[in-house]
Amino acid sequence: MKKKLLKQPTFILGAIITSVMMLLTFIGFLYTPYDPTKMDSSSKLAGCSLAHLMGCDNFGRDIFSRVLQGMGNTFLIAIATVTIGVGCGILLGAFTGYFGGWLDEVLMRINDVIFAFPSILLALVFISIFGTGKYNVVFALGIAFIPSFARIVRSEFIKYKDMDYVKSARLAGVSDFRIIFVHILPNTTTVLLSSIMIGFNNAVLAEAGMSYLGIGVQPPDASLGSMLSEAQSYLFSAPNYAIFPGLMIILLVLGFSLLADSLKAR
């Protein structure tokens, strides 16, 4: 598998882009050239320079520092969102796919109802009830992502549960719990990895969209989405204000998309 992946140009390009973005995100957790929230009236909408690599925003804050902080916030929210979606989705999909019967019918019908609504719409409903903020965004998007992961895992378990090695395990007296998590679940790894990367992309875009609307990460904390929202009034006078946050979103999504496509192609 590794040798095949290393021969795929899409995997190599995706790995390079993702590695660079992860490195920048990690650096942002440890160091930023300036305080991302510090305002400097003398540097309002300053262009790119050696002092400010990406220029400054309308409050005189260093855009590069805010991009680093925004990438960190976006990355953590996306990871937490996918973790909730995958964790709950695996449990729901595994038990419904393996046991079937009335449990499958009831839970999957509920799952289908939730799945019928766009995840961003469900998140907006959750936010309207419980309020704005990054923690509420995490829970809202995490809950909205559960149905998609549950459907994927369920279909994989339906495919594997009647295979000979599973039947042999049952005849040997192996418990259902062990069959689910030791015998079947590892065989879904490739499909899950691809789905997780796609889910990460969706979470990045959803978080950016919600922050753009002002219901995600709240000021003075930076978010790539909120930076785009702030920059829309300065597209012609200070295009760098919007270009760099937008570019980071594109590269984050592109890197993981290429990796996901490589896994699917395998």
Protein backbone atom coordinates (compact mmCIF):
# COMPACT_ATOMS: atom_id res chain seq x y z
CA MET A 1 0.00 0.00 0.00
CA LYS A 2 2.75 2.48 0.96
CA LYS A 3 4.73 1.81 -2.22
CA LYS A 4 1.65 2.33 -4.39
CA LEU A 5 0.79 5.59 -2.63
CA LEU A 6 4.34 6.93 -2.95
CA LYS A 7 4.12 6.44 -6.72
CA GLN A 8 0.97 8.57 -7.00
CA PRO A 9 1.62 12.25 -7.89
CA THR A 10 -1.61 13.30 -6.18
CA PHE A 11 -0.50 11.67 -2.93
CA ILE A 12 2.96 13.25 -3.07
CA LEU A 13 1.56 16.71 -3.79
CA GLY A 14 -1.12 16.32 -1.13
CA ALA A 15 1.45 15.15 1.43
CA ILE A 16 3.72 18.13 0.68
CA ILE A 17 0.91 20.69 0.93
CA THR A 18 -0.51 19.11 4.08
CA SER A 19 2.93 18.90 5.72
CA VAL A 20 3.63 22.57 5.05
CA MET A 21 0.23 23.62 6.39
CA MET A 22 0.61 21.45 9.48
CA LEU A 23 4.07 22.90 10.08
CA LEU A 24 2.72 26.46 9.86
CA THR A 25 -0.12 25.53 12.21
CA PHE A 26 2.30 24.02 14.72
CA ILE A 27 4.53 27.10 14.54
CA GLY A 28 1.48 29.25 15.21
CA PHE A 29 0.82 27.41 18.47
CA LEU A 30 4.33 28.19 19.68
CA TYR A 31 5.24 31.52 18.10
CA THR A 32 3.80 34.48 16.20
CA PRO A 33 5.92 37.46 15.09
CA TYR A 34 3.47 39.86 16.77
CA ASP A 35 0.62 39.66 19.23
CA PRO A 36 -2.32 38.71 16.93
CA THR A 37 -4.67 41.02 18.86
CA LYS A 38 -2.35 44.03 19.23
CA MET A 39 -3.53 47.08 17.28
CA ASP A 40 -1.23 49.67 15.75
CA SER A 41 -2.96 52.70 14.25
CA SER A 42 0.19 53.68 12.35
CA SER A 43 0.16 50.38 10.42
CA LYS A 44 -3.47 50.25 9.31
CA LEU A 45 -3.78 48.42 5.97
CA ALA A 46 0.00 48.41 5.54
CA GLY A 47 1.21 46.39 2.57
CA CYS A 48 3.53 43.41 2.58
CA SER A 49 7.04 44.19 3.86
CA LEU A 50 9.93 42.62 5.73
CA ALA A 51 8.40 43.86 8.99
CA HIS A 52 4.92 42.51 8.10
CA LEU A 53 5.20 39.66 5.60
CA MET A 54 1.49 39.65 4.79
CA GLY A 55 0.79 43.27 5.66
CA CYS A 56 -1.60 44.57 8.33
CA ASP A 57 -5.37 44.68 8.67
CA ASN A 58 -7.70 47.66 9.19
CA PHE A 59 -6.80 47.72 12.89
CA GLY A 60 -3.06 47.60 12.27
CA ARG A 61 -2.76 43.97 13.40
CA ASP A 62 -0.16 41.79 11.72
CA ILE A 63 -1.96 39.58 9.18
CA PHE A 64 0.70 36.84 9.24
CA SER A 65 0.36 36.49 13.02
CA ARG A 66 -3.42 36.40 12.75
CA VAL A 67 -3.27 33.87 9.91
CA LEU A 68 -1.12 31.59 12.09
CA GLN A 69 -3.55 31.95 15.00
CA GLY A 70 -6.54 31.54 12.69
CA MET A 71 -5.11 28.35 11.19
CA GLY A 72 -4.63 26.98 14.70
CA ASN A 73 -8.23 27.75 15.67
CA THR A 74 -9.58 26.34 12.41
CA PHE A 75 -7.43 23.21 12.69
CA LEU A 76 -8.42 22.51 16.32
CA ILE A 77 -12.11 23.04 15.60
CA ALA A 78 -11.94 20.76 12.53
CA ILE A 79 -10.10 18.03 14.46
CA ALA A 80 -12.52 18.20 17.41
CA THR A 81 -15.51 18.20 15.05
CA VAL A 82 -14.29 15.17 13.12
CA THR A 83 -13.41 13.36 16.36
CA ILE A 84 -16.99 13.72 17.62
CA GLY A 85 -18.44 12.74 14.25
CA VAL A 86 -16.15 9.74 13.78
CA GLY A 87 -16.36 8.49 17.37
CA CYS A 88 -20.14 8.54 17.54
CA GLY A 89 -20.53 7.56 13.88
CA ILE A 90 -18.37 4.45 14.31
CA LEU A 91 -20.37 3.26 17.31
CA LEU A 92 -23.71 3.93 15.64
CA GLY A 93 -22.71 2.46 12.27
CA ALA A 94 -20.94 -0.56 13.75
CA PHE A 95 -23.80 -1.69 15.98
CA THR A 96 -26.57 -1.04 13.45
CA GLY A 97 -24.63 -2.67 10.61
CA TYR A 98 -23.59 -5.70 12.65
CA PHE A 99 -26.78 -6.47 14.57
CA GLY A 100 -29.38 -5.18 12.09
CA GLY A 101 -33.02 -5.81 13.00
CA TRP A 102 -35.18 -3.26 14.80
CA LEU A 103 -32.13 -1.45 16.19
CA ASP A 104 -30.90 -0.79 12.67
CA GLU A 105 -34.35 0.29 11.45
CA VAL A 106 -35.00 2.75 14.28
CA LEU A 107 -31.54 4.32 14.49
CA MET A 108 -31.01 4.52 10.73
CA ARG A 109 -34.37 6.19 10.16
CA ILE A 110 -33.44 8.83 12.73
CA ASN A 111 -30.02 9.05 11.10
CA ASP A 112 -31.62 9.50 7.65
CA VAL A 113 -33.83 12.33 8.90
CA ILE A 114 -30.80 14.17 10.30
CA PHE A 115 -28.74 13.36 7.19
CA ALA A 116 -31.44 14.89 4.97
CA PHE A 117 -30.60 18.33 6.33
CA PRO A 118 -27.34 20.05 5.30
CA SER A 119 -24.79 19.87 8.13
CA ILE A 120 -24.29 23.63 8.10
CA LEU A 121 -28.05 24.15 8.53
CA LEU A 122 -28.17 21.82 11.55
CA ALA A 123 -25.17 23.64 13.01
CA LEU A 124 -26.90 26.99 12.54
CA VAL A 125 -29.98 25.72 14.37
CA PHE A 126 -27.77 24.48 17.23
CA ILE A 127 -25.93 27.80 17.38
CA SER A 128 -29.19 29.77 17.38
CA ILE A 129 -30.32 27.80 20.45
CA PHE A 130 -27.10 27.60 22.46
CA GLY A 131 -25.26 30.72 21.27
CA THR A 132 -22.11 31.55 19.36
CA GLY A 133 -18.49 30.66 20.17
CA LYS A 134 -15.96 28.08 19.07
CA TYR A 135 -17.00 25.43 21.60
CA ASN A 136 -20.60 25.55 20.45
CA VAL A 137 -19.37 25.39 16.85
CA VAL A 138 -17.43 22.21 17.67
CA PHE A 139 -20.45 20.47 19.21
CA ALA A 140 -22.82 21.74 16.52
CA LEU A 141 -20.69 20.56 13.61
CA GLY A 142 -19.68 17.36 15.42
CA ILE A 143 -23.32 16.34 15.87
CA ALA A 144 -24.10 17.32 12.28
CA PHE A 145 -21.27 15.09 10.98
CA ILE A 146 -22.34 11.93 12.85
CA PRO A 147 -24.90 10.70 10.26
CA SER A 148 -22.45 10.68 7.34
CA PHE A 149 -19.83 8.67 9.22
CA ALA A 150 -22.50 6.32 10.61
CA ARG A 151 -23.75 5.50 7.11
CA ILE A 152 -20.22 4.79 5.85
CA VAL A 153 -19.33 2.50 8.77
CA ARG A 154 -22.71 0.73 8.62
CA SER A 155 -22.26 -0.12 4.93
CA GLU A 156 -18.80 -1.53 5.62
CA PHE A 157 -20.06 -3.70 8.49
CA ILE A 158 -22.92 -5.05 6.39
CA LYS A 159 -20.33 -6.03 3.79
CA TYR A 160 -18.00 -7.80 6.23
CA LYS A 161 -20.29 -9.30 8.89
CA ASP A 162 -21.18 -12.44 6.86
CA MET A 163 -17.68 -13.21 5.62
CA ASP A 164 -16.10 -16.55 6.45
CA TYR A 165 -13.58 -15.23 8.97
CA VAL A 166 -16.38 -13.56 10.94
CA LYS A 167 -18.49 -16.73 10.88
CA SER A 168 -15.47 -18.72 12.06
CA ALA A 169 -14.96 -16.28 14.92
CA ARG A 170 -18.59 -16.70 15.99
CA LEU A 171 -18.29 -20.51 15.89
CA ALA A 172 -15.16 -20.24 18.03
CA GLY A 173 -17.17 -18.41 20.68
CA VAL A 174 -15.64 -14.97 20.15
CA SER A 175 -17.82 -12.24 21.63
CA ASP A 176 -19.72 -9.82 19.39
CA PHE A 177 -17.84 -6.91 20.95
CA ARG A 178 -14.48 -8.41 19.97
CA ILE A 179 -15.70 -9.30 16.48
CA ILE A 180 -16.89 -5.71 15.93
CA PHE A 181 -13.80 -3.90 17.17
CA VAL A 182 -11.01 -6.42 16.52
CA HIS A 183 -12.09 -8.46 13.50
CA ILE A 184 -14.22 -6.10 11.38
CA LEU A 185 -13.39 -2.49 12.28
CA PRO A 186 -9.69 -2.68 11.24
CA ASN A 187 -10.81 -3.70 7.73
CA THR A 188 -12.66 -0.40 7.36
CA THR A 189 -9.49 1.65 7.94
CA THR A 190 -8.88 2.71 4.34
CA VAL A 191 -12.47 3.85 3.78
CA LEU A 192 -12.52 5.59 7.17
CA LEU A 193 -9.25 7.44 6.53
CA SER A 194 -10.53 8.77 3.23
CA SER A 195 -13.83 9.77 4.84
CA ILE A 196 -12.04 11.44 7.76
CA MET A 197 -9.99 13.60 5.39
CA ILE A 198 -13.11 14.61 3.48
CA GLY A 199 -14.82 15.29 6.81
CA PHE A 200 -11.86 17.46 7.87
CA ASN A 201 -12.25 19.49 4.67
CA ASN A 202 -15.96 19.92 5.28
CA ALA A 203 -15.27 20.99 8.86
CA VAL A 204 -12.71 23.57 7.74
CA LEU A 205 -15.15 25.04 5.21
CA ALA A 206 -18.07 24.93 7.66
CA GLU A 207 -16.07 26.63 10.42
CA ALA A 208 -14.79 29.27 8.01
CA GLY A 209 -18.33 29.89 6.78
CA MET A 210 -19.77 30.21 10.28
CA SER A 211 -16.95 32.51 11.41
CA TYR A 212 -17.47 34.55 8.25
CA LEU A 213 -21.10 35.01 9.32
CA GLY A 214 -19.97 36.04 12.81
CA ILE A 215 -21.28 33.00 14.68
CA GLY A 216 -18.06 31.01 14.93
CA VAL A 217 -14.80 32.10 16.54
CA GLN A 218 -15.42 35.42 18.24
CA PRO A 219 -13.18 38.53 18.25
CA PRO A 220 -10.50 39.25 19.25
CA ASP A 221 -9.49 35.64 18.45
CA ALA A 222 -8.58 35.15 14.80
CA SER A 223 -10.26 32.79 12.37
CA LEU A 224 -9.61 32.47 8.66
CA GLY A 225 -13.32 32.90 8.01
CA SER A 226 -13.72 36.00 10.19
CA MET A 227 -10.61 37.52 8.56
CA LEU A 228 -12.24 37.13 5.15
CA SER A 229 -15.37 38.79 6.49
CA GLU A 230 -13.36 41.74 7.82
CA ALA A 231 -11.41 42.01 4.57
CA GLN A 232 -14.37 42.21 2.18
CA SER A 233 -14.55 46.00 2.51
CA TYR A 234 -10.91 46.36 1.51
CA LEU A 235 -10.65 44.04 -1.49
CA PHE A 236 -9.33 46.78 -3.77
CA SER A 237 -7.46 49.00 -1.32
CA ALA A 238 -5.74 46.11 0.51
CA PRO A 239 -6.18 42.84 -1.44
CA ASN A 240 -3.52 41.10 0.69
CA TYR A 241 -5.96 41.29 3.62
CA ALA A 242 -8.24 38.73 1.90
CA ILE A 243 -5.76 36.87 -0.28
CA PHE A 244 -3.70 35.24 2.46
CA PRO A 245 -6.54 33.91 4.70
CA GLY A 246 -8.34 32.68 1.58
CA LEU A 247 -5.19 31.02 0.29
CA MET A 248 -4.70 29.17 3.58
CA ILE A 249 -8.24 27.78 3.43
CA ILE A 250 -7.70 26.66 -0.17
CA LEU A 251 -4.41 24.95 0.63
CA LEU A 252 -5.78 23.22 3.75
CA VAL A 253 -8.69 21.80 1.78
CA LEU A 254 -6.60 20.98 -1.30
CA GLY A 255 -3.94 19.03 0.62
CA PHE A 256 -6.39 16.75 2.40
CA SER A 257 -8.54 16.37 -0.74
CA LEU A 258 -5.55 15.08 -2.70
CA LEU A 259 -4.72 12.61 0.08
CA ALA A 260 -8.32 11.42 0.23
CA ASP A 261 -8.41 10.94 -3.57
CA SER A 262 -5.19 8.93 -3.41
CA LEU A 263 -6.66 6.58 -0.81
CA LYS A 264 -9.83 6.15 -2.87
CA ALA A 265 -7.83 5.39 -5.99
CA ARG A 266 -5.96 2.67 -4.15
